[in-house]
Amino acid sequence: MAGKYKAYLEYKQSGVEWLGEIPSGWQVKRIKNSAELNPSKSELKHLSHDTEATFLPMESIGETGVVNCSRSKPIGEVFNGYTYLGEGDVCLAKITPCFENGKAAVVAGLKNGIAFATTEVIPIRCGTLSDAQFVYYLITSSPFKDEAEGSMYGAGGQKRVADSYVANYHFAAPPLPEQQQIAKFLDFETARIDRLIERQERLIGLLEEKRQAVISHAVTKGLNPDAPLRPSGIDWLGDVPEHWEVCRIKQFAKMESGHTPDKKQPEYWTDCNINWVSLNDTSQLKAVDYISETALKLNPKGIANSSARLLPSQAVVFTRDASIGLAAITTKEMAVSQHVIAWICDSCKVVPEYLLFVFYAMQEELERYTFGATLKTIGMPDINKLTSTLPPLNEQREIVEFVFSEKARHSEAIKKTRAAITLLKERRTALISAAVTGKIDVREWVPPKDGFQPAEESASLTRASA
């Protein structure tokens, strides 16, 4: 930050360890000395129970200061059991991981100037002694969050920041006009960074779509743009090269369903060393082409006393429940659960990697067969009907080599884009912390006349998605 923004001319010791030195014109205060926590609902006693108020469940509070105020409820329905906020109040999510993720905002545009939010937020009313937007940046800054995480109470995913911690938090308080200038500066600069992050995230979406399109085109049209085509008779395949076969997958790969040994028999689940693909591997199956280790394992006794069986390597595993159609190739002998299908490829007819790419391309088609409200699934009769192209083996191998090359190229671009997003988020965090603790002096800052949409950023997005 020092390279772009100047520091204050004079500093003094704050007397607070995590603040260190602060600008000489600033004071150390507690939040409760300049703001009110949890304003009283008695302010609403004059209103009818039918009066509409904005309703803010946790999902309505964003991680960059944005609030979705589109929902409302009558006061009578939410007066008890929800947290009251007024127009212009600051709300802070106090429960993990919402607190760590920065869910907080200044609430504005409320129905009748009133909101009722989840009880997992702390409301802060700033009044005339502090600027609400400055306080928002203060409570989402690294110094505040780092100290708060050490004071959270509760266990596991139910840890919370105490209201008393927020009330007694010592911060470096500039004069009110300076708070407003800092908030104005951060509004502009964080919006600029958020716009760049949004562009990068959109680029990742474009790259992922392009990668999917490459796979789909390769397994339905092949690599030769001049190959004569014929109707496949299958909607999702469309026209295919006329010399390719179109047939059900079970005609070139043997389908094996799985099973889960009795979990009430501990002897089936001790000293386990046999990899067992289950829905516990969902995250891995979303991310990799090959699976070598599984989250859960079986032992030989568990295999012997169930319908599961040990399957050879190079099987293409495929989820049929919950997240439908996630697939990968096994690199060693494994068993599968009843939520997973394994396809043993006929080496004379199909390359396992080609079948894997067929499943990648088939995702929209699988949606047609999916049913179930609580646990989505695809039935065995529909799995038996799944149909694919089947090019000659030499073309399959060429397609596999081409697709892996293209996937690697797109994955590298996505990796670099995600790294850029990480740097932008780090810069955003550092800028907020530097401004609210007085490490940089923005009193003379004015918004640049050319706004915050660099032309080269737009050009890079266009180039990368081409």
Protein backbone atom coordinates (compact mmCIF):
# COMPACT_ATOMS: atom_id res chain seq x y z
CA MET A 1 0.00 0.00 0.00
CA ALA A 2 2.86 2.37 0.78
CA GLY A 3 3.86 2.58 -2.87
CA LYS A 4 0.55 4.03 -4.06
CA TYR A 5 -0.82 5.82 -1.00
CA LYS A 6 1.02 8.11 1.38
CA ALA A 7 1.07 7.70 5.15
CA TYR A 8 0.03 10.31 7.71
CA LEU A 9 2.72 12.79 8.72
CA GLU A 10 2.45 12.09 12.46
CA TYR A 11 1.53 9.00 14.46
CA LYS A 12 1.15 8.21 18.14
CA GLN A 13 1.02 5.04 20.19
CA SER A 14 -2.54 3.74 20.54
CA GLY A 15 -1.90 1.70 23.66
CA VAL A 16 -3.71 -1.21 22.00
CA GLU A 17 -1.48 -4.08 20.91
CA TRP A 18 -3.21 -4.95 17.63
CA LEU A 19 -3.59 -1.28 16.61
CA GLY A 20 -0.02 -0.19 17.21
CA GLU A 21 0.54 3.40 16.06
CA ILE A 22 -2.40 5.49 14.87
CA PRO A 23 -2.57 8.94 13.25
CA SER A 24 -2.05 11.67 15.82
CA GLY A 25 -5.49 13.19 15.18
CA TRP A 26 -7.35 9.92 15.81
CA GLN A 27 -8.70 8.60 19.12
CA VAL A 28 -9.00 5.08 20.50
CA LYS A 29 -12.62 4.26 21.23
CA ARG A 30 -14.81 1.26 21.90
CA ILE A 31 -17.60 0.60 19.43
CA LYS A 32 -20.18 0.94 22.22
CA ASN A 33 -18.96 4.49 22.88
CA SER A 34 -19.91 5.67 19.39
CA ALA A 35 -22.71 3.30 18.38
CA GLU A 36 -25.65 1.39 19.83
CA LEU A 37 -25.90 -2.40 19.60
CA ASN A 38 -29.27 -4.15 19.39
CA PRO A 39 -31.67 -1.18 19.19
CA SER A 40 -34.91 -1.81 21.07
CA LYS A 41 -38.00 -3.19 19.32
CA SER A 42 -40.03 -0.84 21.52
CA GLU A 43 -39.43 1.75 18.79
CA LEU A 44 -42.06 -0.10 16.77
CA LYS A 45 -44.83 -0.19 19.39
CA HIS A 46 -46.84 2.45 17.57
CA LEU A 47 -47.00 0.36 14.37
CA SER A 48 -49.73 -2.09 13.40
CA HIS A 49 -48.83 -5.78 13.29
CA ASP A 50 -49.85 -5.71 9.63
CA THR A 51 -47.11 -3.21 8.77
CA GLU A 52 -44.72 -4.74 6.24
CA ALA A 53 -41.02 -5.00 7.11
CA THR A 54 -38.07 -6.25 5.08
CA PHE A 55 -37.20 -9.85 5.93
CA LEU A 56 -33.50 -10.77 5.94
CA PRO A 57 -32.57 -14.44 6.32
CA MET A 58 -28.83 -15.10 6.25
CA GLU A 59 -28.81 -15.82 2.52
CA SER A 60 -30.00 -12.25 1.87
CA ILE A 61 -26.80 -10.79 3.36
CA GLY A 62 -23.88 -10.79 0.94
CA GLU A 63 -20.13 -11.03 1.49
CA THR A 64 -19.32 -7.68 -0.15
CA GLY A 65 -21.76 -5.40 1.64
CA VAL A 66 -24.74 -6.14 -0.60
CA VAL A 67 -28.18 -6.92 0.88
CA ASN A 68 -31.16 -8.41 -0.93
CA CYS A 69 -34.16 -6.51 0.45
CA SER A 70 -36.76 -8.04 -1.88
CA ARG A 71 -38.49 -10.14 0.79
CA SER A 72 -40.92 -8.76 3.34
CA LYS A 73 -43.25 -9.98 6.08
CA PRO A 74 -45.82 -8.35 8.40
CA ILE A 75 -44.25 -7.20 11.65
CA GLY A 76 -46.61 -9.44 13.59
CA GLU A 77 -45.07 -12.56 12.01
CA VAL A 78 -41.44 -11.67 12.77
CA PHE A 79 -41.53 -9.48 15.88
CA ASN A 80 -40.65 -12.43 18.09
CA GLY A 81 -37.77 -14.69 17.13
CA TYR A 82 -35.98 -12.31 14.76
CA THR A 83 -33.50 -9.43 15.10
CA TYR A 84 -34.73 -5.87 14.55
CA LEU A 85 -32.83 -3.44 12.32
CA GLY A 86 -33.65 0.07 11.16
CA GLU A 87 -32.79 1.95 7.99
CA GLY A 88 -29.05 2.65 7.88
CA ASP A 89 -28.09 0.22 10.64
CA VAL A 90 -25.06 -2.04 10.22
CA CYS A 91 -25.62 -5.79 10.49
CA LEU A 92 -22.84 -8.30 11.18
CA ALA A 93 -23.22 -12.08 10.84
CA LYS A 94 -21.87 -13.56 14.05
CA ILE A 95 -21.92 -17.32 13.35
CA THR A 96 -19.19 -19.29 11.60
CA PRO A 97 -18.53 -19.48 8.66
CA CYS A 98 -20.70 -16.48 7.75
CA PHE A 99 -18.64 -14.20 10.00
CA GLU A 100 -15.32 -15.33 8.54
CA ASN A 101 -16.72 -14.95 5.02
CA GLY A 102 -17.51 -11.29 5.66
CA LYS A 103 -21.32 -11.33 5.70
CA ALA A 104 -22.12 -7.80 6.84
CA ALA A 105 -23.71 -4.68 5.38
CA VAL A 106 -25.31 -1.30 5.94
CA VAL A 107 -29.00 -2.06 5.46
CA ALA A 108 -30.80 0.46 3.24
CA GLY A 109 -33.97 0.58 1.17
CA LEU A 110 -35.98 -1.22 3.85
CA LYS A 111 -39.74 -1.62 3.66
CA ASN A 112 -41.10 1.14 5.90
CA GLY A 113 -37.54 1.65 7.14
CA ILE A 114 -37.68 -1.60 9.13
CA ALA A 115 -36.07 -5.03 8.81
CA PHE A 116 -36.17 -8.25 10.78
CA ALA A 117 -33.19 -10.51 10.27
CA THR A 118 -31.95 -13.88 11.42
CA THR A 119 -30.95 -13.93 15.08
CA GLU A 120 -27.43 -14.81 13.89
CA VAL A 121 -26.67 -11.15 13.17
CA ILE A 122 -25.63 -8.31 15.45
CA PRO A 123 -27.24 -4.93 14.64
CA ILE A 124 -25.20 -1.75 15.14
CA ARG A 125 -26.75 1.74 15.02
CA CYS A 126 -24.25 4.52 14.49
CA GLY A 127 -26.21 7.70 15.20
CA THR A 128 -24.30 10.99 14.93
CA LEU A 129 -20.96 9.91 16.41
CA SER A 130 -19.79 7.54 13.68
CA ASP A 131 -20.35 6.82 10.01
CA ALA A 132 -22.22 3.56 9.31
CA GLN A 133 -20.25 2.76 6.16
CA PHE A 134 -16.95 3.32 8.02
CA VAL A 135 -18.14 0.97 10.77
CA TYR A 136 -19.08 -1.62 8.15
CA TYR A 137 -15.52 -1.54 6.80
CA LEU A 138 -14.13 -1.63 10.35
CA ILE A 139 -16.01 -4.82 11.30
CA THR A 140 -15.04 -6.57 8.07
CA SER A 141 -11.36 -5.62 8.34
CA SER A 142 -8.65 -8.18 9.13
CA PRO A 143 -7.68 -6.71 12.54
CA PHE A 144 -11.28 -6.94 13.76
CA LYS A 145 -11.87 -10.42 12.34
CA ASP A 146 -8.53 -11.82 13.54
CA GLU A 147 -9.18 -10.71 17.10
CA ALA A 148 -12.80 -11.85 16.98
CA GLU A 149 -11.96 -15.37 15.83
CA GLY A 150 -9.86 -15.84 18.97
CA SER A 151 -12.79 -14.86 21.19
CA MET A 152 -15.58 -16.88 19.54
CA TYR A 153 -17.62 -19.16 21.77
CA GLY A 154 -19.26 -22.50 20.98
CA ALA A 155 -17.91 -25.52 19.14
CA GLY A 156 -17.33 -26.59 15.54
CA GLY A 157 -19.64 -25.01 12.99
CA GLN A 158 -21.68 -23.31 15.73
CA LYS A 159 -19.05 -20.84 16.95
CA ARG A 160 -20.24 -17.26 17.38
CA VAL A 161 -18.87 -13.77 17.97
CA ALA A 162 -20.25 -12.40 21.23
CA ASP A 163 -22.15 -9.11 21.24
CA SER A 164 -19.90 -8.05 24.13
CA TYR A 165 -16.80 -8.54 21.97
CA VAL A 166 -18.19 -6.17 19.34
CA ALA A 167 -19.31 -3.64 21.94
CA ASN A 168 -15.93 -3.55 23.68
CA TYR A 169 -13.75 -3.68 20.57
CA HIS A 170 -11.13 -0.90 20.60
CA PHE A 171 -10.66 0.84 17.27
CA ALA A 172 -8.86 3.87 15.90
CA ALA A 173 -11.55 6.51 15.40
CA PRO A 174 -10.90 9.37 12.99
CA PRO A 175 -13.01 12.54 13.18
CA LEU A 176 -16.43 11.99 11.60
CA PRO A 177 -15.66 13.87 8.33
CA GLU A 178 -12.56 11.72 7.94
CA GLN A 179 -14.56 8.55 8.56
CA GLN A 180 -16.89 9.61 5.78
CA GLN A 181 -13.96 10.29 3.44
CA ILE A 182 -12.41 6.87 4.22
CA ALA A 183 -15.78 5.21 3.56
CA LYS A 184 -16.12 7.09 0.28
CA PHE A 185 -12.61 6.02 -0.75
CA LEU A 186 -13.25 2.37 0.16
CA ASP A 187 -16.65 2.37 -1.55
CA PHE A 188 -14.97 3.38 -4.79
CA GLU A 189 -11.87 1.18 -4.54
CA THR A 190 -13.62 -1.96 -3.33
CA ALA A 191 -16.27 -1.54 -6.04
CA ARG A 192 -13.46 -1.32 -8.59
CA ILE A 193 -11.84 -4.48 -7.24
CA ASP A 194 -15.20 -6.28 -7.01
CA ARG A 195 -15.85 -5.40 -10.66
CA LEU A 196 -12.50 -6.93 -11.62
CA ILE A 197 -13.25 -10.05 -9.55
CA GLU A 198 -16.67 -10.34 -11.20
CA ARG A 199 -15.01 -10.15 -14.63
CA GLN A 200 -12.53 -12.86 -13.68
CA GLU A 201 -15.29 -15.10 -12.30
CA ARG A 202 -17.26 -14.61 -15.51
CA LEU A 203 -14.15 -15.55 -17.46
CA ILE A 204 -13.88 -18.80 -15.47
CA GLY A 205 -17.50 -19.55 -16.39
CA LEU A 206 -16.74 -18.95 -20.07
CA LEU A 207 -13.66 -21.16 -19.93
CA GLU A 208 -15.59 -23.97 -18.23
CA GLU A 209 -18.34 -23.70 -20.85
CA LYS A 210 -15.74 -23.81 -23.62
CA ARG A 211 -14.08 -26.87 -22.07
CA GLN A 212 -17.46 -28.63 -21.86
CA ALA A 213 -18.26 -27.68 -25.46
CA VAL A 214 -14.94 -29.11 -26.67
CA ILE A 215 -15.67 -32.46 -24.99
CA SER A 216 -19.26 -32.60 -26.25
CA HIS A 217 -18.25 -31.80 -29.82
CA ALA A 218 -15.42 -34.35 -29.80
CA VAL A 219 -17.62 -37.29 -28.71
CA THR A 220 -20.56 -36.40 -30.95
CA LYS A 221 -18.90 -35.00 -34.10
CA GLY A 222 -15.29 -36.20 -33.92
CA LEU A 223 -12.18 -34.28 -34.94
CA ASN A 224 -12.60 -34.27 -38.71
CA PRO A 225 -14.75 -31.27 -39.71
CA ASP A 226 -15.18 -32.72 -43.23
CA ALA A 227 -16.54 -36.09 -42.11
CA PRO A 228 -19.98 -36.84 -43.62
CA LEU A 229 -22.71 -36.85 -40.96
CA ARG A 230 -25.93 -38.78 -40.50
CA PRO A 231 -28.82 -38.43 -38.04
CA SER A 232 -28.15 -40.48 -34.91
CA GLY A 233 -31.81 -40.74 -33.90
CA ILE A 234 -30.80 -39.61 -30.39
CA ASP A 235 -31.65 -36.04 -29.38
CA TRP A 236 -28.54 -35.28 -27.34
CA LEU A 237 -26.20 -36.70 -29.98
CA GLY A 238 -27.76 -35.06 -33.04
CA ASP A 239 -25.94 -35.74 -36.30
CA VAL A 240 -22.86 -37.97 -35.97
CA PRO A 241 -20.13 -39.14 -38.38
CA GLU A 242 -21.80 -41.67 -40.64
CA HIS A 243 -19.15 -44.37 -40.07
CA TRP A 244 -19.57 -44.26 -36.25
CA GLU A 245 -21.79 -46.70 -34.37
CA VAL A 246 -24.56 -45.46 -32.11
CA CYS A 247 -25.50 -47.99 -29.43
CA ARG A 248 -26.34 -48.48 -25.79
CA ILE A 249 -23.38 -48.23 -23.45
CA LYS A 250 -24.08 -51.68 -22.02
CA GLN A 251 -23.21 -53.14 -25.47
CA PHE A 252 -19.53 -52.22 -25.08
CA ALA A 253 -19.13 -51.95 -21.28
CA LYS A 254 -20.35 -54.32 -18.56
CA MET A 255 -22.37 -52.59 -15.88
CA GLU A 256 -21.64 -53.46 -12.22
CA SER A 257 -23.81 -52.11 -9.41
CA GLY A 258 -22.46 -51.84 -5.89
CA HIS A 259 -23.49 -52.37 -2.29
CA THR A 260 -22.82 -51.19 1.26
CA PRO A 261 -21.91 -53.84 3.85
CA ASP A 262 -23.95 -53.83 7.06
CA LYS A 263 -22.72 -50.84 9.08
CA LYS A 264 -23.97 -52.48 12.29
CA GLN A 265 -21.26 -55.12 11.91
CA PRO A 266 -18.03 -53.43 13.08
CA GLU A 267 -15.91 -56.34 11.90
CA TYR A 268 -16.72 -55.31 8.31
CA TRP A 269 -15.31 -51.84 8.91
CA THR A 270 -12.06 -52.43 10.80
CA ASP A 271 -8.55 -52.80 9.32
CA CYS A 272 -9.90 -51.76 5.93
CA ASN A 273 -7.62 -51.44 2.91
CA ILE A 274 -9.92 -51.99 -0.08
CA ASN A 275 -10.88 -48.76 -1.84
CA TRP A 276 -14.65 -48.31 -1.98
CA VAL A 277 -16.14 -45.56 -4.17
CA SER A 278 -19.15 -43.91 -2.53
CA LEU A 279 -20.90 -40.55 -2.35
CA ASN A 280 -18.23 -39.55 0.16
CA ASP A 281 -15.98 -39.17 -2.89
CA THR A 282 -18.26 -36.63 -4.60
CA SER A 283 -15.81 -33.71 -4.29
CA GLN A 284 -12.99 -35.78 -5.74
CA LEU A 285 -15.13 -37.10 -8.59
CA LYS A 286 -16.02 -33.51 -9.52
CA ALA A 287 -12.36 -32.57 -9.77
CA VAL A 288 -10.40 -35.49 -11.27
CA ASP A 289 -10.39 -37.85 -14.25
CA TYR A 290 -8.79 -40.72 -12.31
CA ILE A 291 -9.50 -41.92 -8.77
CA SER A 292 -6.73 -43.66 -6.82
CA GLU A 293 -7.85 -43.41 -3.19
CA THR A 294 -11.31 -43.26 -1.66
CA ALA A 295 -12.66 -41.57 1.45
CA LEU A 296 -13.92 -44.88 2.89
CA LYS A 297 -12.49 -48.38 2.60
CA LEU A 298 -13.71 -51.96 3.14
CA ASN A 299 -12.03 -55.12 4.36
CA PRO A 300 -12.28 -58.57 2.74
CA LYS A 301 -14.90 -59.69 5.26
CA GLY A 302 -17.13 -56.74 4.34
CA ILE A 303 -16.81 -57.63 0.66
CA ALA A 304 -17.54 -61.31 1.31
CA ASN A 305 -20.70 -60.56 3.29
CA SER A 306 -22.28 -58.10 0.87
CA SER A 307 -23.24 -57.79 -2.77
CA ALA A 308 -20.25 -55.52 -3.37
CA ARG A 309 -17.38 -57.10 -5.23
CA LEU A 310 -13.82 -56.23 -6.12
CA LEU A 311 -13.66 -54.70 -9.59
CA PRO A 312 -10.62 -54.38 -11.86
CA SER A 313 -8.72 -51.17 -12.48
CA GLN A 314 -9.66 -49.02 -15.47
CA ALA A 315 -13.34 -49.24 -14.55
CA VAL A 316 -15.36 -46.09 -15.22
CA VAL A 317 -17.30 -45.27 -12.06
CA PHE A 318 -20.47 -43.20 -12.33
CA THR A 319 -22.70 -41.76 -9.55
CA ARG A 320 -26.41 -42.55 -9.89
CA ASP A 321 -27.69 -40.75 -6.77
CA ALA A 322 -27.50 -37.18 -5.37
CA SER A 323 -25.00 -35.60 -7.80
CA ILE A 324 -25.90 -37.62 -10.89
CA GLY A 325 -23.30 -38.60 -13.48
CA LEU A 326 -20.04 -37.72 -11.74
CA ALA A 327 -17.44 -40.03 -13.26
CA ALA A 328 -13.79 -41.07 -13.04
CA ILE A 329 -11.54 -43.99 -13.98
CA THR A 330 -10.19 -46.26 -11.24
CA THR A 331 -6.42 -46.78 -11.17
CA LYS A 332 -6.53 -49.96 -9.07
CA GLU A 333 -8.94 -52.63 -7.92
CA MET A 334 -11.91 -51.08 -6.10
CA ALA A 335 -15.47 -51.80 -4.98
CA VAL A 336 -18.40 -49.39 -5.26
CA SER A 337 -21.43 -48.52 -3.12
CA GLN A 338 -25.04 -48.93 -4.21
CA HIS A 339 -25.03 -45.23 -5.18
CA VAL A 340 -22.36 -45.82 -7.83
CA ILE A 341 -22.27 -47.77 -11.10
CA ALA A 342 -19.01 -49.21 -12.42
CA TRP A 343 -18.57 -49.86 -16.13
CA ILE A 344 -16.01 -52.49 -17.11
CA CYS A 345 -14.94 -51.57 -20.63
CA ASP A 346 -14.51 -54.17 -23.39
CA SER A 347 -10.97 -53.34 -24.51
CA CYS A 348 -11.77 -54.52 -28.04
CA LYS A 349 -14.52 -51.92 -28.38
CA VAL A 350 -13.93 -48.90 -26.20
CA VAL A 351 -11.17 -46.91 -24.49
CA PRO A 352 -12.12 -46.13 -20.84
CA GLU A 353 -11.16 -42.48 -21.27
CA TYR A 354 -13.50 -42.17 -24.24
CA LEU A 355 -16.41 -43.49 -22.17
CA LEU A 356 -15.43 -41.07 -19.39
CA PHE A 357 -15.71 -38.14 -21.82
CA VAL A 358 -19.08 -39.44 -23.01
CA PHE A 359 -20.33 -39.18 -19.43
CA TYR A 360 -18.89 -35.66 -19.16
CA ALA A 361 -20.81 -34.70 -22.32
CA MET A 362 -24.02 -36.40 -21.19
CA GLN A 363 -24.85 -34.23 -18.19
CA GLU A 364 -27.91 -32.48 -19.64
CA GLU A 365 -29.20 -35.77 -21.05
CA LEU A 366 -29.04 -37.34 -17.59
CA GLU A 367 -31.31 -34.62 -16.20
CA ARG A 368 -34.17 -36.13 -18.26
CA TYR A 369 -33.99 -39.36 -16.28
CA THR A 370 -33.50 -37.85 -12.83
CA PHE A 371 -36.31 -38.15 -10.28
CA GLY A 372 -36.78 -37.85 -6.51
CA ALA A 373 -37.34 -34.84 -4.26
CA THR A 374 -35.01 -35.39 -1.30
CA LEU A 375 -32.47 -37.68 -2.98
CA LYS A 376 -32.20 -37.31 -6.73
CA THR A 377 -31.57 -40.58 -8.52
CA ILE A 378 -31.58 -42.27 -11.89
CA GLY A 379 -33.23 -45.68 -12.13
CA MET A 380 -31.53 -48.80 -13.40
CA PRO A 381 -33.92 -49.18 -16.38
CA ASP A 382 -32.88 -45.71 -17.56
CA ILE A 383 -29.19 -46.46 -16.98
CA ASN A 384 -29.62 -49.52 -19.15
CA LYS A 385 -30.97 -47.29 -21.93
CA LEU A 386 -28.08 -44.79 -21.94
CA THR A 387 -26.83 -44.45 -25.51
CA SER A 388 -23.50 -43.22 -26.87
CA THR A 389 -21.46 -42.87 -30.03
CA LEU A 390 -18.81 -45.54 -30.61
CA PRO A 391 -16.11 -44.50 -33.10
CA PRO A 392 -13.39 -46.92 -34.24
CA LEU A 393 -10.72 -47.46 -31.57
CA ASN A 394 -8.08 -45.46 -33.40
CA GLU A 395 -10.40 -42.42 -33.52
CA GLN A 396 -11.29 -42.88 -29.86
CA ARG A 397 -7.61 -42.67 -28.96
CA GLU A 398 -7.16 -39.55 -31.10
CA ILE A 399 -10.19 -37.95 -29.44
CA VAL A 400 -8.88 -38.84 -25.98
CA GLU A 401 -5.47 -37.28 -26.72
CA PHE A 402 -7.08 -34.15 -28.16
CA VAL A 403 -9.54 -33.70 -25.28
CA PHE A 404 -6.86 -34.15 -22.61
CA SER A 405 -4.74 -31.53 -24.38
CA GLU A 406 -7.65 -29.07 -24.57
CA LYS A 407 -8.70 -29.75 -20.97
CA ALA A 408 -5.15 -29.05 -19.80
CA ARG A 409 -5.07 -25.78 -21.74
CA HIS A 410 -8.39 -24.60 -20.34
CA SER A 411 -7.53 -25.81 -16.83
CA GLU A 412 -4.29 -23.82 -16.86
CA ALA A 413 -6.18 -20.69 -17.93
CA ILE A 414 -8.74 -21.28 -15.16
CA LYS A 415 -5.93 -21.81 -12.63
CA LYS A 416 -4.29 -18.50 -13.58
CA THR A 417 -7.64 -16.71 -13.42
CA ARG A 418 -8.36 -18.10 -9.95
CA ALA A 419 -4.90 -16.97 -8.84
CA ALA A 420 -5.73 -13.48 -10.11
CA ILE A 421 -8.97 -13.53 -8.11
CA THR A 422 -7.05 -14.54 -4.98
CA LEU A 423 -4.65 -11.61 -5.43
CA LEU A 424 -7.53 -9.19 -5.97
CA LYS A 425 -9.27 -10.40 -2.81
CA GLU A 426 -6.03 -10.07 -0.85
CA ARG A 427 -5.61 -6.53 -2.16
CA ARG A 428 -9.19 -5.69 -1.18
CA THR A 429 -8.63 -6.98 2.35
CA ALA A 430 -5.32 -5.16 2.72
CA LEU A 431 -6.77 -1.88 1.44
CA ILE A 432 -9.66 -1.94 3.91
CA SER A 433 -7.36 -2.74 6.83
CA ALA A 434 -4.86 -0.04 5.87
CA ALA A 435 -7.56 2.62 5.54
CA VAL A 436 -9.50 1.94 8.76
CA THR A 437 -6.34 1.69 10.87
CA GLY A 438 -4.76 4.86 9.48
CA LYS A 439 -1.83 3.23 7.69
CA ILE A 440 -2.70 5.27 4.59
CA ASP A 441 -3.91 8.86 4.35
CA VAL A 442 -6.81 9.29 1.91
CA ARG A 443 -8.03 12.70 3.07
CA GLU A 444 -7.05 14.28 -0.25
CA TRP A 445 -8.26 11.39 -2.39
CA VAL A 446 -10.72 12.18 -5.16
CA PRO A 447 -12.30 9.66 -7.56
CA PRO A 448 -10.43 9.47 -10.88
CA LYS A 449 -12.30 11.00 -13.79
CA ASP A 450 -11.96 7.87 -15.95
CA GLY A 451 -13.90 5.60 -13.56
CA PHE A 452 -12.83 2.03 -12.75
CA GLN A 453 -13.27 -0.08 -15.88
CA PRO A 454 -9.82 -0.42 -17.47
CA ALA A 455 -10.06 -1.09 -21.21
CA GLU A 456 -7.38 -3.74 -21.04
CA GLU A 457 -9.46 -5.74 -18.54
CA SER A 458 -12.36 -5.93 -20.97
CA ALA A 459 -9.99 -6.85 -23.79
CA SER A 460 -8.38 -9.67 -21.81
CA LEU A 461 -11.80 -11.14 -21.06
CA THR A 462 -12.68 -11.10 -24.76
CA ARG A 463 -9.37 -12.68 -25.77
CA ALA A 464 -9.50 -15.43 -23.15
CA SER A 465 -13.05 -16.48 -24.03
CA ALA A 466 -12.41 -16.58 -27.75
